[in-house]
Amino acid sequence: MSKAEERNPRGIPKAPFITDVEEHVGGPDGGVEGPLKGFQDALAKYRFMDGNLAQRRAGLEDKIPDIKKTLMMVEFMQERREGKSKADDDDLDADEDDLEEEGSKKPLSTTFELNDTLFAEAELEDTDTVYLWLGANVMLSYKIPAAITLLKSKLQAAETSLHNTIEDLEFLREQITVMEVNTARVYNWDVKRRRDKREREQVSGLASAKTIGG
């Protein structure tokens, strides 16, 4: 097989299916300890990758909703600012009293999370800047359009990563199944070989005893 056929798009090797056990172990008298150890080593590596990717999937599934909520909030703030600007433009010809009334728009009230079960109320000032947590206790300020661009790129990257991770997990579990089948086939072949050998020895022993007794 070509390299492209032996690995998935992220470079995880494909497990070979052993079609001829006897040929794989080196003939009818070949040892199975080496092949079985190789299968167990491969299984351990596949299961290790499976565990890591399962944790990554869980992390991404927690992260993506948070990014979406943050993006929705920043987009709402942008729409609110754009709506206010449009209202101000439309009211340029209004009289002074109307302008004063329109300009006295109430601030945006919201709640924010202090802890898992603790929330506080806050009023958001009319601003063109937001602060985003980037991880590792890092927070940076962004203009709203730049923040939207950043959040959209992060959301797209996270969703792509989640898709690839799920695909890799499915691929890994297929390879684990193949290696488990290989292990069972080699083990069963060895059990049958040993049983056949004992039966031949018993038949040979009976024949020898009959010849001596006769």
N, C-alpha and C. Protein backbone atom coordinates (compact mmCIF):
# COMPACT_ATOMS: atom_id res chain seq x y z
N MET A 1 0.84 -1.20 0.00
CA MET A 1 0.00 0.00 0.00
C MET A 1 0.87 1.24 0.00
N SER A 2 0.33 2.32 -0.54
CA SER A 2 1.06 3.58 -0.54
C SER A 2 0.97 4.21 0.83
N LYS A 3 1.86 5.22 1.05
CA LYS A 3 1.85 5.91 2.34
C LYS A 3 0.50 6.55 2.62
N ALA A 4 -0.14 7.09 1.55
CA ALA A 4 -1.43 7.74 1.74
C ALA A 4 -2.48 6.75 2.20
N GLU A 5 -2.36 5.49 1.76
CA GLU A 5 -3.32 4.47 2.14
C GLU A 5 -3.03 3.92 3.53
N GLU A 6 -1.79 4.06 4.01
CA GLU A 6 -1.41 3.50 5.28
C GLU A 6 -1.70 4.43 6.46
N ARG A 7 -1.98 5.70 6.17
CA ARG A 7 -2.20 6.67 7.24
C ARG A 7 -3.45 7.51 6.94
N ASN A 8 -4.06 8.01 8.01
CA ASN A 8 -5.19 8.91 7.79
C ASN A 8 -4.67 10.33 7.57
N PRO A 9 -5.53 11.30 7.28
CA PRO A 9 -5.04 12.65 6.97
C PRO A 9 -4.21 13.29 8.08
N ARG A 10 -4.36 12.87 9.34
CA ARG A 10 -3.55 13.43 10.42
C ARG A 10 -2.34 12.57 10.74
N GLY A 11 -2.06 11.58 9.88
CA GLY A 11 -0.84 10.80 10.04
C GLY A 11 -0.94 9.61 10.97
N ILE A 12 -2.15 9.24 11.41
CA ILE A 12 -2.29 8.06 12.27
C ILE A 12 -2.17 6.81 11.40
N PRO A 13 -1.26 5.89 11.74
CA PRO A 13 -1.04 4.71 10.89
C PRO A 13 -2.23 3.76 10.90
N LYS A 14 -2.46 3.16 9.76
CA LYS A 14 -3.54 2.18 9.63
C LYS A 14 -3.04 0.81 10.06
N ALA A 15 -3.86 0.11 10.82
CA ALA A 15 -3.48 -1.22 11.29
C ALA A 15 -3.65 -2.24 10.17
N PRO A 16 -2.63 -3.05 9.90
CA PRO A 16 -2.77 -4.06 8.85
C PRO A 16 -3.61 -5.23 9.33
N PHE A 17 -4.48 -5.72 8.49
CA PHE A 17 -5.26 -6.91 8.83
C PHE A 17 -4.48 -8.14 8.37
N ILE A 18 -4.26 -9.07 9.30
CA ILE A 18 -3.50 -10.28 8.99
C ILE A 18 -4.42 -11.30 8.33
N THR A 19 -4.23 -11.47 7.02
CA THR A 19 -5.08 -12.41 6.28
C THR A 19 -4.59 -13.85 6.42
N ASP A 20 -3.27 -14.06 6.49
CA ASP A 20 -2.69 -15.41 6.59
C ASP A 20 -1.85 -15.46 7.86
N VAL A 21 -2.42 -16.04 8.91
CA VAL A 21 -1.73 -16.07 10.20
C VAL A 21 -0.46 -16.90 10.12
N GLU A 22 -0.54 -18.03 9.48
CA GLU A 22 0.62 -18.92 9.41
C GLU A 22 1.80 -18.25 8.71
N GLU A 23 1.51 -17.54 7.63
CA GLU A 23 2.57 -16.82 6.93
C GLU A 23 3.12 -15.69 7.80
N HIS A 24 2.24 -15.04 8.53
CA HIS A 24 2.66 -13.90 9.35
C HIS A 24 3.60 -14.34 10.48
N VAL A 25 3.36 -15.50 11.07
CA VAL A 25 4.20 -15.95 12.19
C VAL A 25 5.44 -16.71 11.71
N GLY A 26 5.56 -16.91 10.39
CA GLY A 26 6.77 -17.54 9.87
C GLY A 26 6.66 -19.02 9.59
N GLY A 27 5.47 -19.49 9.28
CA GLY A 27 5.30 -20.89 8.93
C GLY A 27 4.61 -21.68 10.01
N PRO A 28 4.36 -22.96 9.75
CA PRO A 28 3.61 -23.80 10.71
C PRO A 28 4.30 -23.96 12.06
N ASP A 29 5.61 -23.78 12.10
CA ASP A 29 6.35 -23.92 13.36
C ASP A 29 6.79 -22.56 13.91
N GLY A 30 6.26 -21.50 13.36
CA GLY A 30 6.67 -20.16 13.81
C GLY A 30 6.16 -19.83 15.20
N GLY A 31 6.88 -18.96 15.88
CA GLY A 31 6.47 -18.55 17.22
C GLY A 31 5.46 -17.41 17.17
N VAL A 32 4.57 -17.39 18.13
CA VAL A 32 3.53 -16.35 18.16
C VAL A 32 3.82 -15.27 19.21
N GLU A 33 4.83 -15.50 20.03
CA GLU A 33 5.11 -14.52 21.10
C GLU A 33 5.46 -13.15 20.52
N GLY A 34 6.33 -13.13 19.51
CA GLY A 34 6.73 -11.86 18.90
C GLY A 34 5.56 -11.12 18.26
N PRO A 35 4.81 -11.78 17.36
CA PRO A 35 3.65 -11.11 16.77
C PRO A 35 2.63 -10.63 17.80
N LEU A 36 2.35 -11.45 18.81
CA LEU A 36 1.39 -11.04 19.82
C LEU A 36 1.88 -9.83 20.60
N LYS A 37 3.17 -9.80 20.91
CA LYS A 37 3.73 -8.63 21.61
C LYS A 37 3.63 -7.38 20.73
N GLY A 38 3.89 -7.56 19.42
CA GLY A 38 3.76 -6.43 18.51
C GLY A 38 2.34 -5.90 18.46
N PHE A 39 1.37 -6.81 18.47
CA PHE A 39 -0.04 -6.40 18.47
C PHE A 39 -0.38 -5.64 19.75
N GLN A 40 0.10 -6.14 20.88
CA GLN A 40 -0.21 -5.49 22.16
C GLN A 40 0.44 -4.11 22.23
N ASP A 41 1.65 -3.97 21.71
CA ASP A 41 2.30 -2.66 21.69
C ASP A 41 1.52 -1.68 20.83
N ALA A 42 1.07 -2.15 19.65
CA ALA A 42 0.29 -1.29 18.77
C ALA A 42 -1.04 -0.91 19.42
N LEU A 43 -1.68 -1.87 20.07
CA LEU A 43 -2.94 -1.59 20.76
C LEU A 43 -2.75 -0.55 21.86
N ALA A 44 -1.65 -0.66 22.59
CA ALA A 44 -1.39 0.32 23.66
C ALA A 44 -1.23 1.72 23.09
N LYS A 45 -0.55 1.84 21.95
CA LYS A 45 -0.36 3.16 21.33
C LYS A 45 -1.69 3.71 20.82
N TYR A 46 -2.48 2.85 20.17
CA TYR A 46 -3.78 3.31 19.67
C TYR A 46 -4.68 3.76 20.82
N ARG A 47 -4.68 2.99 21.91
CA ARG A 47 -5.54 3.35 23.04
C ARG A 47 -5.06 4.62 23.73
N PHE A 48 -3.75 4.83 23.75
CA PHE A 48 -3.21 6.06 24.32
C PHE A 48 -3.68 7.26 23.49
N MET A 49 -3.57 7.15 22.16
CA MET A 49 -4.04 8.23 21.29
C MET A 49 -5.54 8.43 21.44
N ASP A 50 -6.28 7.33 21.58
CA ASP A 50 -7.72 7.41 21.73
C ASP A 50 -8.08 8.19 23.00
N GLY A 51 -7.37 7.92 24.10
CA GLY A 51 -7.65 8.62 25.34
C GLY A 51 -7.35 10.11 25.23
N ASN A 52 -6.22 10.45 24.60
CA ASN A 52 -5.86 11.86 24.43
C ASN A 52 -6.87 12.60 23.57
N LEU A 53 -7.28 11.96 22.46
CA LEU A 53 -8.25 12.61 21.57
C LEU A 53 -9.62 12.72 22.21
N ALA A 54 -9.99 11.75 23.04
CA ALA A 54 -11.28 11.84 23.74
C ALA A 54 -11.28 13.05 24.68
N GLN A 55 -10.15 13.29 25.37
CA GLN A 55 -10.06 14.47 26.23
C GLN A 55 -10.10 15.76 25.40
N ARG A 56 -9.43 15.72 24.25
CA ARG A 56 -9.45 16.91 23.38
C ARG A 56 -10.85 17.18 22.88
N ARG A 57 -11.57 16.15 22.52
CA ARG A 57 -12.95 16.33 22.05
C ARG A 57 -13.81 16.95 23.14
N ALA A 58 -13.67 16.45 24.37
CA ALA A 58 -14.46 17.00 25.47
C ALA A 58 -14.13 18.48 25.70
N GLY A 59 -12.84 18.82 25.61
CA GLY A 59 -12.45 20.21 25.78
C GLY A 59 -13.02 21.11 24.71
N LEU A 60 -12.99 20.64 23.46
CA LEU A 60 -13.53 21.43 22.36
C LEU A 60 -15.04 21.58 22.47
N GLU A 61 -15.71 20.52 22.89
CA GLU A 61 -17.18 20.59 23.03
C GLU A 61 -17.59 21.54 24.15
N ASP A 62 -16.71 21.76 25.13
CA ASP A 62 -16.97 22.77 26.16
C ASP A 62 -16.61 24.16 25.66
N LYS A 63 -15.56 24.25 24.85
CA LYS A 63 -15.03 25.54 24.42
C LYS A 63 -15.90 26.21 23.35
N ILE A 64 -16.40 25.42 22.41
CA ILE A 64 -17.14 25.99 21.28
C ILE A 64 -18.38 26.76 21.71
N PRO A 65 -19.22 26.23 22.62
CA PRO A 65 -20.38 27.04 23.06
C PRO A 65 -19.97 28.36 23.70
N ASP A 66 -18.85 28.37 24.44
CA ASP A 66 -18.39 29.62 25.06
C ASP A 66 -17.99 30.64 24.00
N ILE A 67 -17.30 30.17 22.95
CA ILE A 67 -16.92 31.09 21.87
C ILE A 67 -18.16 31.63 21.18
N LYS A 68 -19.13 30.77 20.94
CA LYS A 68 -20.36 31.20 20.28
C LYS A 68 -21.09 32.25 21.11
N LYS A 69 -21.18 32.03 22.43
CA LYS A 69 -21.86 33.00 23.29
C LYS A 69 -21.13 34.34 23.30
N THR A 70 -19.80 34.27 23.36
CA THR A 70 -19.01 35.51 23.35
C THR A 70 -19.20 36.25 22.03
N LEU A 71 -19.17 35.51 20.93
CA LEU A 71 -19.35 36.12 19.61
C LEU A 71 -20.73 36.76 19.49
N MET A 72 -21.75 36.08 19.96
CA MET A 72 -23.11 36.63 19.91
C MET A 72 -23.19 37.93 20.71
N MET A 73 -22.53 37.97 21.87
CA MET A 73 -22.58 39.17 22.70
C MET A 73 -21.87 40.33 22.02
N VAL A 74 -20.69 40.07 21.44
CA VAL A 74 -19.94 41.14 20.79
C VAL A 74 -20.70 41.63 19.55
N GLU A 75 -21.30 40.71 18.80
CA GLU A 75 -22.10 41.12 17.64
C GLU A 75 -23.31 41.94 18.07
N PHE A 76 -23.91 41.59 19.20
CA PHE A 76 -25.04 42.35 19.72
C PHE A 76 -24.60 43.78 20.06
N MET A 77 -23.42 43.89 20.69
CA MET A 77 -22.91 45.22 21.02
C MET A 77 -22.66 46.05 19.77
N GLN A 78 -22.14 45.39 18.72
CA GLN A 78 -21.91 46.11 17.47
C GLN A 78 -23.24 46.55 16.85
N GLU A 79 -24.22 45.64 16.82
CA GLU A 79 -25.52 45.98 16.25
C GLU A 79 -26.17 47.12 17.04
N ARG A 80 -26.00 47.11 18.35
CA ARG A 80 -26.59 48.16 19.18
C ARG A 80 -25.93 49.51 18.87
N ARG A 81 -24.60 49.50 18.71
CA ARG A 81 -23.91 50.75 18.38
C ARG A 81 -24.31 51.24 16.99
N GLU A 82 -24.40 50.29 16.03
CA GLU A 82 -24.78 50.68 14.68
C GLU A 82 -26.21 51.20 14.65
N GLY A 83 -27.08 50.58 15.44
CA GLY A 83 -28.47 51.04 15.50
C GLY A 83 -28.57 52.43 16.10
N LYS A 84 -27.77 52.70 17.13
CA LYS A 84 -27.79 54.02 17.75
C LYS A 84 -27.25 55.07 16.79
N SER A 85 -26.18 54.72 16.05
CA SER A 85 -25.62 55.67 15.09
C SER A 85 -26.63 56.00 14.00
N LYS A 86 -27.34 54.95 13.55
CA LYS A 86 -28.33 55.17 12.50
C LYS A 86 -29.46 56.06 13.02
N ALA A 87 -29.87 55.82 14.27
CA ALA A 87 -30.94 56.64 14.86
C ALA A 87 -30.50 58.09 14.98
N ASP A 88 -29.23 58.29 15.35
CA ASP A 88 -28.71 59.65 15.46
C ASP A 88 -28.70 60.33 14.10
N ASP A 89 -28.33 59.59 13.06
CA ASP A 89 -28.31 60.17 11.71
C ASP A 89 -29.71 60.52 11.24
N ASP A 90 -30.67 59.64 11.55
CA ASP A 90 -32.05 59.89 11.12
C ASP A 90 -32.66 61.08 11.83
N ASP A 91 -32.14 61.38 13.03
CA ASP A 91 -32.73 62.46 13.83
C ASP A 91 -32.00 63.79 13.70
N LEU A 92 -31.15 63.93 12.71
CA LEU A 92 -30.40 65.18 12.56
C LEU A 92 -31.33 66.38 12.34
N ASP A 93 -32.47 66.12 11.70
CA ASP A 93 -33.40 67.21 11.40
C ASP A 93 -34.47 67.38 12.47
N ALA A 94 -34.41 66.57 13.53
CA ALA A 94 -35.42 66.68 14.58
C ALA A 94 -35.16 67.91 15.42
N ASP A 95 -36.18 68.34 16.17
CA ASP A 95 -36.00 69.52 17.02
C ASP A 95 -35.17 69.16 18.25
N GLU A 96 -34.81 70.14 19.03
CA GLU A 96 -33.88 69.94 20.14
C GLU A 96 -34.47 69.03 21.20
N ASP A 97 -35.75 69.16 21.49
CA ASP A 97 -36.37 68.31 22.50
C ASP A 97 -36.34 66.84 22.10
N ASP A 98 -36.64 66.58 20.83
CA ASP A 98 -36.62 65.20 20.34
C ASP A 98 -35.21 64.62 20.43
N LEU A 99 -34.20 65.44 20.10
CA LEU A 99 -32.82 64.96 20.17
C LEU A 99 -32.44 64.62 21.60
N GLU A 100 -32.86 65.44 22.54
CA GLU A 100 -32.52 65.19 23.93
C GLU A 100 -33.17 63.91 24.43
N GLU A 101 -34.42 63.70 24.02
CA GLU A 101 -35.14 62.50 24.45
C GLU A 101 -34.51 61.25 23.83
N GLU A 102 -34.14 61.34 22.52
CA GLU A 102 -33.55 60.19 21.84
C GLU A 102 -32.17 59.88 22.40
N GLY A 103 -31.44 60.93 22.80
CA GLY A 103 -30.09 60.72 23.29
C GLY A 103 -30.05 60.15 24.69
N SER A 104 -31.15 60.22 25.41
CA SER A 104 -31.15 59.72 26.77
C SER A 104 -31.51 58.23 26.80
N LYS A 105 -30.87 57.47 25.94
CA LYS A 105 -31.13 56.03 25.89
C LYS A 105 -30.56 55.37 27.13
N LYS A 106 -31.32 54.45 27.70
CA LYS A 106 -30.88 53.78 28.90
C LYS A 106 -29.67 52.89 28.61
N PRO A 107 -28.72 52.80 29.56
CA PRO A 107 -27.57 51.92 29.36
C PRO A 107 -28.02 50.46 29.35
N LEU A 108 -27.21 49.61 28.75
CA LEU A 108 -27.53 48.19 28.64
C LEU A 108 -27.22 47.50 29.96
N SER A 109 -28.23 46.87 30.56
CA SER A 109 -28.04 46.12 31.80
C SER A 109 -27.91 44.64 31.50
N THR A 110 -27.04 43.99 32.23
CA THR A 110 -26.82 42.56 32.01
C THR A 110 -26.33 41.92 33.30
N THR A 111 -26.15 40.64 33.30
CA THR A 111 -25.55 39.92 34.42
C THR A 111 -24.31 39.21 33.92
N PHE A 112 -23.32 39.07 34.78
CA PHE A 112 -22.11 38.34 34.40
C PHE A 112 -21.74 37.38 35.52
N GLU A 113 -21.03 36.34 35.15
CA GLU A 113 -20.72 35.25 36.07
C GLU A 113 -19.46 35.57 36.86
N LEU A 114 -19.58 35.54 38.18
CA LEU A 114 -18.42 35.68 39.06
C LEU A 114 -17.84 34.32 39.43
N ASN A 115 -18.73 33.34 39.58
CA ASN A 115 -18.34 31.99 39.93
C ASN A 115 -19.37 31.04 39.35
N ASP A 116 -19.22 29.76 39.62
CA ASP A 116 -20.13 28.78 39.03
C ASP A 116 -21.58 29.06 39.37
N THR A 117 -21.84 29.53 40.56
CA THR A 117 -23.23 29.78 40.99
C THR A 117 -23.46 31.22 41.43
N LEU A 118 -22.53 32.11 41.11
CA LEU A 118 -22.64 33.49 41.57
C LEU A 118 -22.60 34.45 40.39
N PHE A 119 -23.66 35.27 40.27
CA PHE A 119 -23.77 36.24 39.19
C PHE A 119 -23.97 37.63 39.78
N ALA A 120 -23.57 38.64 39.00
CA ALA A 120 -23.74 40.03 39.44
C ALA A 120 -24.33 40.84 38.29
N GLU A 121 -25.04 41.92 38.64
CA GLU A 121 -25.60 42.80 37.63
C GLU A 121 -24.59 43.87 37.27
N ALA A 122 -24.66 44.32 36.01
CA ALA A 122 -23.75 45.37 35.56
C ALA A 122 -24.42 46.16 34.45
N GLU A 123 -23.95 47.38 34.26
CA GLU A 123 -24.38 48.21 33.14
C GLU A 123 -23.21 48.39 32.19
N LEU A 124 -23.45 48.11 30.91
CA LEU A 124 -22.40 48.20 29.91
C LEU A 124 -22.38 49.62 29.33
N GLU A 125 -21.21 50.21 29.40
CA GLU A 125 -21.08 51.55 28.83
C GLU A 125 -21.03 51.47 27.31
N ASP A 126 -21.39 52.55 26.69
CA ASP A 126 -21.37 52.61 25.23
C ASP A 126 -19.91 52.77 24.78
N THR A 127 -19.32 51.68 24.31
CA THR A 127 -17.91 51.69 23.96
C THR A 127 -17.69 50.90 22.68
N ASP A 128 -16.59 51.19 22.01
CA ASP A 128 -16.22 50.45 20.81
C ASP A 128 -15.12 49.44 21.09
N THR A 129 -14.86 49.17 22.37
CA THR A 129 -13.76 48.28 22.77
C THR A 129 -14.29 47.18 23.68
N VAL A 130 -13.81 45.96 23.46
CA VAL A 130 -14.15 44.84 24.34
C VAL A 130 -12.85 44.16 24.78
N TYR A 131 -12.95 43.41 25.86
CA TYR A 131 -11.79 42.69 26.40
C TYR A 131 -12.08 41.19 26.32
N LEU A 132 -11.15 40.46 25.74
CA LEU A 132 -11.33 39.03 25.54
C LEU A 132 -10.26 38.25 26.28
N TRP A 133 -10.72 37.18 26.97
CA TRP A 133 -9.78 36.24 27.57
C TRP A 133 -9.21 35.37 26.47
N LEU A 134 -7.88 35.28 26.41
CA LEU A 134 -7.21 34.46 25.40
C LEU A 134 -6.64 33.18 25.98
N GLY A 135 -6.83 32.98 27.26
CA GLY A 135 -6.28 31.80 27.93
C GLY A 135 -4.99 32.12 28.65
N ALA A 136 -4.58 31.21 29.56
CA ALA A 136 -3.35 31.38 30.34
C ALA A 136 -3.35 32.71 31.08
N ASN A 137 -4.52 33.10 31.60
CA ASN A 137 -4.66 34.35 32.36
C ASN A 137 -4.26 35.59 31.56
N VAL A 138 -4.55 35.55 30.27
CA VAL A 138 -4.22 36.68 29.39
C VAL A 138 -5.52 37.29 28.87
N MET A 139 -5.65 38.60 29.02
CA MET A 139 -6.80 39.33 28.48
C MET A 139 -6.27 40.51 27.67
N LEU A 140 -6.84 40.69 26.48
CA LEU A 140 -6.44 41.79 25.61
C LEU A 140 -7.67 42.57 25.18
N SER A 141 -7.47 43.85 24.89
CA SER A 141 -8.56 44.69 24.41
C SER A 141 -8.56 44.71 22.89
N TYR A 142 -9.76 44.72 22.32
CA TYR A 142 -9.93 44.76 20.87
C TYR A 142 -11.05 45.73 20.54
N LYS A 143 -10.92 46.37 19.40
CA LYS A 143 -12.06 47.08 18.84
C LYS A 143 -13.10 46.03 18.44
N ILE A 144 -14.35 46.41 18.51
CA ILE A 144 -15.42 45.43 18.29
C ILE A 144 -15.30 44.71 16.95
N PRO A 145 -15.07 45.39 15.82
CA PRO A 145 -14.92 44.64 14.55
C PRO A 145 -13.76 43.65 14.58
N ALA A 146 -12.63 44.05 15.19
CA ALA A 146 -11.48 43.14 15.28
C ALA A 146 -11.80 41.95 16.18
N ALA A 147 -12.56 42.20 17.25
CA ALA A 147 -12.94 41.12 18.15
C ALA A 147 -13.84 40.11 17.44
N ILE A 148 -14.77 40.61 16.64
CA ILE A 148 -15.66 39.71 15.89
C ILE A 148 -14.86 38.86 14.91
N THR A 149 -13.92 39.49 14.21
CA THR A 149 -13.08 38.75 13.27
C THR A 149 -12.29 37.66 13.99
N LEU A 150 -11.70 38.02 15.13
CA LEU A 150 -10.91 37.06 15.91
C LEU A 150 -11.78 35.90 16.40
N LEU A 151 -12.95 36.22 16.95
CA LEU A 151 -13.82 35.17 17.49
C LEU A 151 -14.34 34.25 16.39
N LYS A 152 -14.64 34.82 15.22
CA LYS A 152 -15.10 33.97 14.11
C LYS A 152 -14.00 33.02 13.66
N SER A 153 -12.76 33.52 13.61
CA SER A 153 -11.65 32.65 13.20
C SER A 153 -11.40 31.57 14.24
N LYS A 154 -11.51 31.93 15.53
CA LYS A 154 -11.32 30.93 16.58
C LYS A 154 -12.44 29.90 16.56
N LEU A 155 -13.66 30.34 16.29
CA LEU A 155 -14.78 29.41 16.22
C LEU A 155 -14.61 28.45 15.05
N GLN A 156 -14.23 28.97 13.91
CA GLN A 156 -14.02 28.11 12.74
C GLN A 156 -12.90 27.10 13.00
N ALA A 157 -11.81 27.57 13.61
CA ALA A 157 -10.69 26.67 13.91
C ALA A 157 -11.11 25.59 14.90
N ALA A 158 -11.87 25.96 15.92
CA ALA A 158 -12.31 24.99 16.92
C ALA A 158 -13.27 23.97 16.32
N GLU A 159 -14.18 24.42 15.46
CA GLU A 159 -15.13 23.49 14.84
C GLU A 159 -14.41 22.55 13.88
N THR A 160 -13.42 23.05 13.15
CA THR A 160 -12.63 22.19 12.27
C THR A 160 -11.85 21.17 13.08
N SER A 161 -11.26 21.64 14.17
CA SER A 161 -10.50 20.74 15.04
C SER A 161 -11.40 19.66 15.64
N LEU A 162 -12.62 20.04 16.03
CA LEU A 162 -13.56 19.06 16.59
C LEU A 162 -13.94 18.02 15.53
N HIS A 163 -14.21 18.48 14.32
CA HIS A 163 -14.56 17.56 13.24
C HIS A 163 -13.42 16.57 12.99
N ASN A 164 -12.19 17.09 12.93
CA ASN A 164 -11.03 16.22 12.69
C ASN A 164 -10.82 15.26 13.86
N THR A 165 -11.05 15.74 15.07
CA THR A 165 -10.86 14.89 16.25
C THR A 165 -11.86 13.75 16.26
N ILE A 166 -13.12 14.04 15.94
CA ILE A 166 -14.14 12.98 15.88
C ILE A 166 -13.80 11.98 14.79
N GLU A 167 -13.33 12.49 13.65
CA GLU A 167 -12.93 11.61 12.56
C GLU A 167 -11.76 10.72 12.97
N ASP A 168 -10.79 11.29 13.68
CA ASP A 168 -9.63 10.52 14.14
C ASP A 168 -10.05 9.48 15.17
N LEU A 169 -10.98 9.83 16.05
CA LEU A 169 -11.45 8.86 17.04
C LEU A 169 -12.13 7.67 16.37
N GLU A 170 -12.95 7.94 15.36
CA GLU A 170 -13.60 6.84 14.64
C GLU A 170 -12.56 5.97 13.95
N PHE A 171 -11.56 6.62 13.33
CA PHE A 171 -10.49 5.87 12.66
C PHE A 171 -9.72 5.03 13.67
N LEU A 172 -9.38 5.61 14.82
CA LEU A 172 -8.62 4.89 15.83
C LEU A 172 -9.38 3.67 16.33
N ARG A 173 -10.66 3.83 16.55
CA ARG A 173 -11.44 2.70 17.07
C ARG A 173 -11.55 1.58 16.05
N GLU A 174 -11.54 1.94 14.77
CA GLU A 174 -11.49 0.90 13.74
C GLU A 174 -10.16 0.15 13.80
N GLN A 175 -9.07 0.88 14.01
CA GLN A 175 -7.75 0.24 14.07
C GLN A 175 -7.63 -0.62 15.33
N ILE A 176 -8.19 -0.15 16.43
CA ILE A 176 -8.18 -0.95 17.65
C ILE A 176 -8.92 -2.26 17.43
N THR A 177 -10.07 -2.19 16.74
CA THR A 177 -10.84 -3.40 16.45
C THR A 177 -10.03 -4.35 15.58
N VAL A 178 -9.35 -3.81 14.56
CA VAL A 178 -8.52 -4.64 13.68
C VAL A 178 -7.43 -5.34 14.47
N MET A 179 -6.75 -4.62 15.37
CA MET A 179 -5.66 -5.21 16.14
C MET A 179 -6.19 -6.24 17.13
N GLU A 180 -7.36 -6.01 17.68
CA GLU A 180 -7.96 -7.01 18.58
C GLU A 180 -8.32 -8.27 17.81
N VAL A 181 -8.83 -8.10 16.59
CA VAL A 181 -9.15 -9.27 15.75
C VAL A 181 -7.87 -10.01 15.39
N ASN A 182 -6.82 -9.28 15.02
CA ASN A 182 -5.53 -9.91 14.71
C ASN A 182 -5.02 -10.73 15.89
N THR A 183 -5.11 -10.13 17.09
CA THR A 183 -4.65 -10.82 18.29
C THR A 183 -5.43 -12.10 18.51
N ALA A 184 -6.75 -12.01 18.38
CA ALA A 184 -7.60 -13.19 18.60
C ALA A 184 -7.31 -14.27 17.56
N ARG A 185 -7.10 -13.88 16.30
CA ARG A 185 -6.86 -14.87 15.25
C ARG A 185 -5.53 -15.58 15.46
N VAL A 186 -4.49 -14.83 15.82
CA VAL A 186 -3.18 -15.46 16.07
C VAL A 186 -3.26 -16.38 17.29
N TYR A 187 -3.91 -15.91 18.35
CA TYR A 187 -4.04 -16.72 19.56
C TYR A 187 -4.81 -18.01 19.26
N ASN A 188 -5.95 -17.89 18.57
CA ASN A 188 -6.76 -19.06 18.25
C ASN A 188 -6.01 -20.01 17.32
N TRP A 189 -5.25 -19.45 16.37
CA TRP A 189 -4.45 -20.30 15.47
C TRP A 189 -3.43 -21.09 16.27
N ASP A 190 -2.79 -20.44 17.25
CA ASP A 190 -1.80 -21.13 18.07
C ASP A 190 -2.44 -22.21 18.93
N VAL A 191 -3.64 -21.93 19.48
CA VAL A 191 -4.34 -22.93 20.28
C VAL A 191 -4.69 -24.15 19.41
N LYS A 192 -5.16 -23.90 18.19
CA LYS A 192 -5.51 -25.00 17.29
C LYS A 192 -4.25 -25.79 16.91
N ARG A 193 -3.17 -25.08 16.66
CA ARG A 193 -1.92 -25.77 16.30
C ARG A 193 -1.46 -26.67 17.42
N ARG A 194 -1.52 -26.18 18.65
CA ARG A 194 -1.10 -27.00 19.79
C ARG A 194 -2.02 -28.21 19.98
N ARG A 195 -3.33 -28.01 19.79
CA ARG A 195 -4.28 -29.10 19.93
C ARG A 195 -4.04 -30.16 18.86
N ASP A 196 -3.83 -29.71 17.61
CA ASP A 196 -3.55 -30.65 16.52
C ASP A 196 -2.26 -31.42 16.78
N LYS A 197 -1.27 -30.73 17.33
CA LYS A 197 0.01 -31.39 17.62
C LYS A 197 -0.18 -32.47 18.68
N ARG A 198 -0.96 -32.17 19.74
CA ARG A 198 -1.21 -33.17 20.78
C ARG A 198 -1.97 -34.36 20.22
N GLU A 199 -2.94 -34.09 19.35
CA GLU A 199 -3.71 -35.18 18.76
C GLU A 199 -2.82 -36.06 17.90
N ARG A 200 -1.93 -35.44 17.14
CA ARG A 200 -1.00 -36.23 16.32
C ARG A 200 -0.07 -37.06 17.19
N GLU A 201 0.38 -36.47 18.30
CA GLU A 201 1.26 -37.22 19.21
C GLU A 201 0.53 -38.37 19.85
N GLN A 202 -0.77 -38.13 20.19
CA GLN A 202 -1.54 -39.22 20.78
C GLN A 202 -1.75 -40.35 19.77
N VAL A 203 -2.07 -39.99 18.53
CA VAL A 203 -2.27 -41.01 17.49
C VAL A 203 -0.97 -41.75 17.25
N SER A 204 0.15 -41.01 17.22
CA SER A 204 1.45 -41.64 17.01
C SER A 204 1.80 -42.57 18.16
N GLY A 205 1.48 -42.14 19.39
CA GLY A 205 1.77 -42.97 20.56
C GLY A 205 0.95 -44.24 20.56
N LEU A 206 -0.33 -44.11 20.16
CA LEU A 206 -1.17 -45.30 20.10
C LEU A 206 -0.69 -46.26 19.04
N ALA A 207 -0.26 -45.70 17.91
CA ALA A 207 0.24 -46.55 16.84
C ALA A 207 1.50 -47.28 17.26
N SER A 208 2.37 -46.56 17.96
CA SER A 208 3.61 -47.18 18.42
C SER A 208 3.33 -48.27 19.44
N ALA A 209 2.36 -47.98 20.36
CA ALA A 209 2.03 -48.98 21.37
C ALA A 209 1.40 -50.22 20.72
N LYS A 210 0.59 -49.99 19.69
CA LYS A 210 -0.04 -51.13 19.02
C LYS A 210 0.99 -51.98 18.31
N THR A 211 1.99 -51.30 17.72
CA THR A 211 3.04 -52.05 17.01
C THR A 211 3.86 -52.86 17.98
N ILE A 212 4.19 -52.28 19.13
CA ILE A 212 4.98 -53.02 20.12
C ILE A 212 4.16 -54.14 20.71
N GLY A 213 2.90 -53.87 21.02
CA GLY A 213 2.04 -54.89 21.61
C GLY A 213 1.72 -56.02 20.65
N GLY A 214 1.67 -55.67 19.32
CA GLY A 214 1.34 -56.68 18.34
C GLY A 214 2.46 -57.64 18.11
